[in-house]
């Protein structure tokens, strides 16, 4: 986190190019571009994220991962219900007695 903050500071405050910062810190230029863009978009919160938490990873998580997890949860719940044996008992037909029908 501190290293990423220092790299972003070098680019935004000290005026370094992303290529110079990438070279100085031994990371790819693309990664520095992503960190700087993420910082501009989300501010200090972007520095707390892990390196893999980029905008692209957020999009993948929202559009693919979460729906798949939800579907897997529903499938798991259905399987549990199937094998749990807690099925509702069958309803029995109730017949009225003669008394309820008016004494016939």
C-alpha atoms as a PDB file:
ATOM      1  CA  UNK A   1       0.000   0.000   0.000  1.00  0.00           C
ATOM      2  CA  UNK A   2       2.748   2.458   0.943  1.00  0.00           C
ATOM      3  CA  UNK A   3       4.719   1.656  -2.197  1.00  0.00           C
ATOM      4  CA  UNK A   4       1.668   2.216  -4.387  1.00  0.00           C
ATOM      5  CA  UNK A   5       0.972   5.522  -2.618  1.00  0.00           C
ATOM      6  CA  UNK A   6       4.563   6.630  -3.204  1.00  0.00           C
ATOM      7  CA  UNK A   7       4.347   5.744  -6.899  1.00  0.00           C
ATOM      8  CA  UNK A   8       1.058   7.642  -7.291  1.00  0.00           C
ATOM      9  CA  UNK A   9       2.589  10.606  -5.435  1.00  0.00           C
ATOM     10  CA  UNK A  10       5.620  10.631  -7.727  1.00  0.00           C
ATOM     11  CA  UNK A  11       3.340  10.810 -10.775  1.00  0.00           C
ATOM     12  CA  UNK A  12       0.657  13.221  -9.545  1.00  0.00           C
ATOM     13  CA  UNK A  13       2.602  15.472  -7.186  1.00  0.00           C
ATOM     14  CA  UNK A  14       6.203  15.277  -8.342  1.00  0.00           C
ATOM     15  CA  UNK A  15       5.337  15.245 -12.046  1.00  0.00           C
ATOM     16  CA  UNK A  16       7.063  12.008 -12.971  1.00  0.00           C
ATOM     17  CA  UNK A  17       5.855  10.211 -16.070  1.00  0.00           C
ATOM     18  CA  UNK A  18       4.252   6.828 -15.507  1.00  0.00           C
ATOM     19  CA  UNK A  19       7.090   5.256 -17.500  1.00  0.00           C
ATOM     20  CA  UNK A  20       9.732   6.838 -15.223  1.00  0.00           C
ATOM     21  CA  UNK A  21       7.870   5.775 -12.067  1.00  0.00           C
ATOM     22  CA  UNK A  22       7.417   2.248 -13.406  1.00  0.00           C
ATOM     23  CA  UNK A  23      11.090   1.981 -14.240  1.00  0.00           C
ATOM     24  CA  UNK A  24      12.220   3.390 -10.881  1.00  0.00           C
ATOM     25  CA  UNK A  25      10.034   1.038  -8.847  1.00  0.00           C
ATOM     26  CA  UNK A  26      10.348  -2.032 -11.047  1.00  0.00           C
ATOM     27  CA  UNK A  27       6.695  -2.387 -12.046  1.00  0.00           C
ATOM     28  CA  UNK A  28       4.980  -2.239 -15.407  1.00  0.00           C
ATOM     29  CA  UNK A  29       3.936   1.077 -16.908  1.00  0.00           C
ATOM     30  CA  UNK A  30       0.441  -0.334 -17.384  1.00  0.00           C
ATOM     31  CA  UNK A  31       0.164  -1.069 -13.656  1.00  0.00           C
ATOM     32  CA  UNK A  32       1.238   2.472 -12.774  1.00  0.00           C
ATOM     33  CA  UNK A  33      -1.352   3.829 -15.238  1.00  0.00           C
ATOM     34  CA  UNK A  34      -4.039   1.708 -13.570  1.00  0.00           C
ATOM     35  CA  UNK A  35      -3.032   2.824 -10.071  1.00  0.00           C
ATOM     36  CA  UNK A  36      -3.003   6.500 -11.044  1.00  0.00           C
ATOM     37  CA  UNK A  37      -6.377   6.250 -12.803  1.00  0.00           C
ATOM     38  CA  UNK A  38      -7.802   4.335  -9.861  1.00  0.00           C
ATOM     39  CA  UNK A  39      -6.515   7.001  -7.462  1.00  0.00           C
ATOM     40  CA  UNK A  40      -8.071   9.771  -9.548  1.00  0.00           C
ATOM     41  CA  UNK A  41     -11.367   7.885  -9.600  1.00  0.00           C
ATOM     42  CA  UNK A  42     -11.554   6.681  -5.969  1.00  0.00           C
ATOM     43  CA  UNK A  43      -9.011   8.747  -4.033  1.00  0.00           C
ATOM     44  CA  UNK A  44      -7.296   7.349  -0.940  1.00  0.00           C
ATOM     45  CA  UNK A  45      -9.578   4.293  -0.853  1.00  0.00           C
ATOM     46  CA  UNK A  46      -7.896   3.021  -4.004  1.00  0.00           C
ATOM     47  CA  UNK A  47      -4.614   2.718  -2.096  1.00  0.00           C
ATOM     48  CA  UNK A  48      -6.166   0.284   0.385  1.00  0.00           C
ATOM     49  CA  UNK A  49      -7.196  -2.153  -2.319  1.00  0.00           C
ATOM     50  CA  UNK A  50      -5.015  -5.059  -3.264  1.00  0.00           C
ATOM     51  CA  UNK A  51      -3.182  -4.806  -6.559  1.00  0.00           C
ATOM     52  CA  UNK A  52      -5.720  -7.059  -8.277  1.00  0.00           C
ATOM     53  CA  UNK A  53      -8.693  -4.903  -7.354  1.00  0.00           C
ATOM     54  CA  UNK A  54      -8.868  -2.741 -10.435  1.00  0.00           C
ATOM     55  CA  UNK A  55     -11.913  -1.416 -12.229  1.00  0.00           C
ATOM     56  CA  UNK A  56     -11.835  -4.450 -14.523  1.00  0.00           C
ATOM     57  CA  UNK A  57     -11.856  -6.837 -11.562  1.00  0.00           C
ATOM     58  CA  UNK A  58     -14.809  -4.952 -10.052  1.00  0.00           C
ATOM     59  CA  UNK A  59     -16.732  -5.277 -13.318  1.00  0.00           C
ATOM     60  CA  UNK A  60     -15.984  -8.998 -13.503  1.00  0.00           C
ATOM     61  CA  UNK A  61     -17.065  -9.454  -9.898  1.00  0.00           C
ATOM     62  CA  UNK A  62     -20.349  -7.592 -10.378  1.00  0.00           C
ATOM     63  CA  UNK A  63     -21.308  -9.099 -13.731  1.00  0.00           C
ATOM     64  CA  UNK A  64     -19.990 -12.647 -13.424  1.00  0.00           C
ATOM     65  CA  UNK A  65     -18.818 -13.699  -9.968  1.00  0.00           C
ATOM     66  CA  UNK A  66     -21.753 -12.489  -7.875  1.00  0.00           C
ATOM     67  CA  UNK A  67     -24.473 -13.935 -10.152  1.00  0.00           C
ATOM     68  CA  UNK A  68     -22.630 -17.272 -10.290  1.00  0.00           C
ATOM     69  CA  UNK A  69     -22.276 -17.317  -6.502  1.00  0.00           C
ATOM     70  CA  UNK A  70     -25.994 -16.561  -6.165  1.00  0.00           C
ATOM     71  CA  UNK A  71     -26.901 -19.346  -8.564  1.00  0.00           C
ATOM     72  CA  UNK A  72     -24.594 -21.773  -6.763  1.00  0.00           C
ATOM     73  CA  UNK A  73     -26.251 -20.844  -3.461  1.00  0.00           C
ATOM     74  CA  UNK A  74     -29.720 -21.508  -4.863  1.00  0.00           C
ATOM     75  CA  UNK A  75     -28.608 -24.853  -6.317  1.00  0.00           C
ATOM     76  CA  UNK A  76     -27.041 -25.842  -3.000  1.00  0.00           C
ATOM     77  CA  UNK A  77     -30.200 -24.917  -1.100  1.00  0.00           C
ATOM     78  CA  UNK A  78     -32.329 -26.945  -3.525  1.00  0.00           C
ATOM     79  CA  UNK A  79     -30.063 -29.985  -3.131  1.00  0.00           C
ATOM     80  CA  UNK A  80     -30.220 -29.665   0.655  1.00  0.00           C
ATOM     81  CA  UNK A  81     -34.009 -29.532   0.542  1.00  0.00           C
ATOM     82  CA  UNK A  82     -34.067 -32.556  -1.742  1.00  0.00           C
ATOM     83  CA  UNK A  83     -31.966 -34.700   0.575  1.00  0.00           C
ATOM     84  CA  UNK A  84     -33.087 -33.270   3.902  1.00  0.00           C
ATOM     85  CA  UNK A  85     -36.171 -35.475   4.123  1.00  0.00           C
ATOM     86  CA  UNK A  86     -38.222 -32.650   5.574  1.00  0.00           C
ATOM     87  CA  UNK A  87     -40.883 -32.952   2.991  1.00  0.00           C
ATOM     88  CA  UNK A  88     -44.349 -31.774   3.856  1.00  0.00           C
ATOM     89  CA  UNK A  89     -46.729 -34.613   4.575  1.00  0.00           C
ATOM     90  CA  UNK A  90     -49.338 -35.392   1.984  1.00  0.00           C
ATOM     91  CA  UNK A  91     -52.665 -33.774   2.610  1.00  0.00           C
ATOM     92  CA  UNK A  92     -55.504 -36.126   3.407  1.00  0.00           C
ATOM     93  CA  UNK A  93     -58.989 -35.533   2.070  1.00  0.00           C
ATOM     94  CA  UNK A  94     -61.354 -34.788   4.937  1.00  0.00           C
ATOM     95  CA  UNK A  95     -64.953 -35.954   4.679  1.00  0.00           C
ATOM     96  CA  UNK A  96     -67.798 -34.283   6.467  1.00  0.00           C
ATOM     97  CA  UNK A  97     -69.748 -36.287   8.900  1.00  0.00           C
ATOM     98  CA  UNK A  98     -73.535 -36.610   8.586  1.00  0.00           C
ATOM     99  CA  UNK A  99     -74.041 -34.306  11.510  1.00  0.00           C
ATOM    100  CA  UNK A 100     -72.289 -31.417   9.744  1.00  0.00           C
ATOM    101  CA  UNK A 101     -74.435 -31.878   6.667  1.00  0.00           C
ATOM    102  CA  UNK A 102     -77.649 -31.170   8.552  1.00  0.00           C
ATOM    103  CA  UNK A 103     -78.456 -34.532  10.042  1.00  0.00           C
ATOM    104  CA  UNK A 104     -79.036 -36.466   6.888  1.00  0.00           C
END
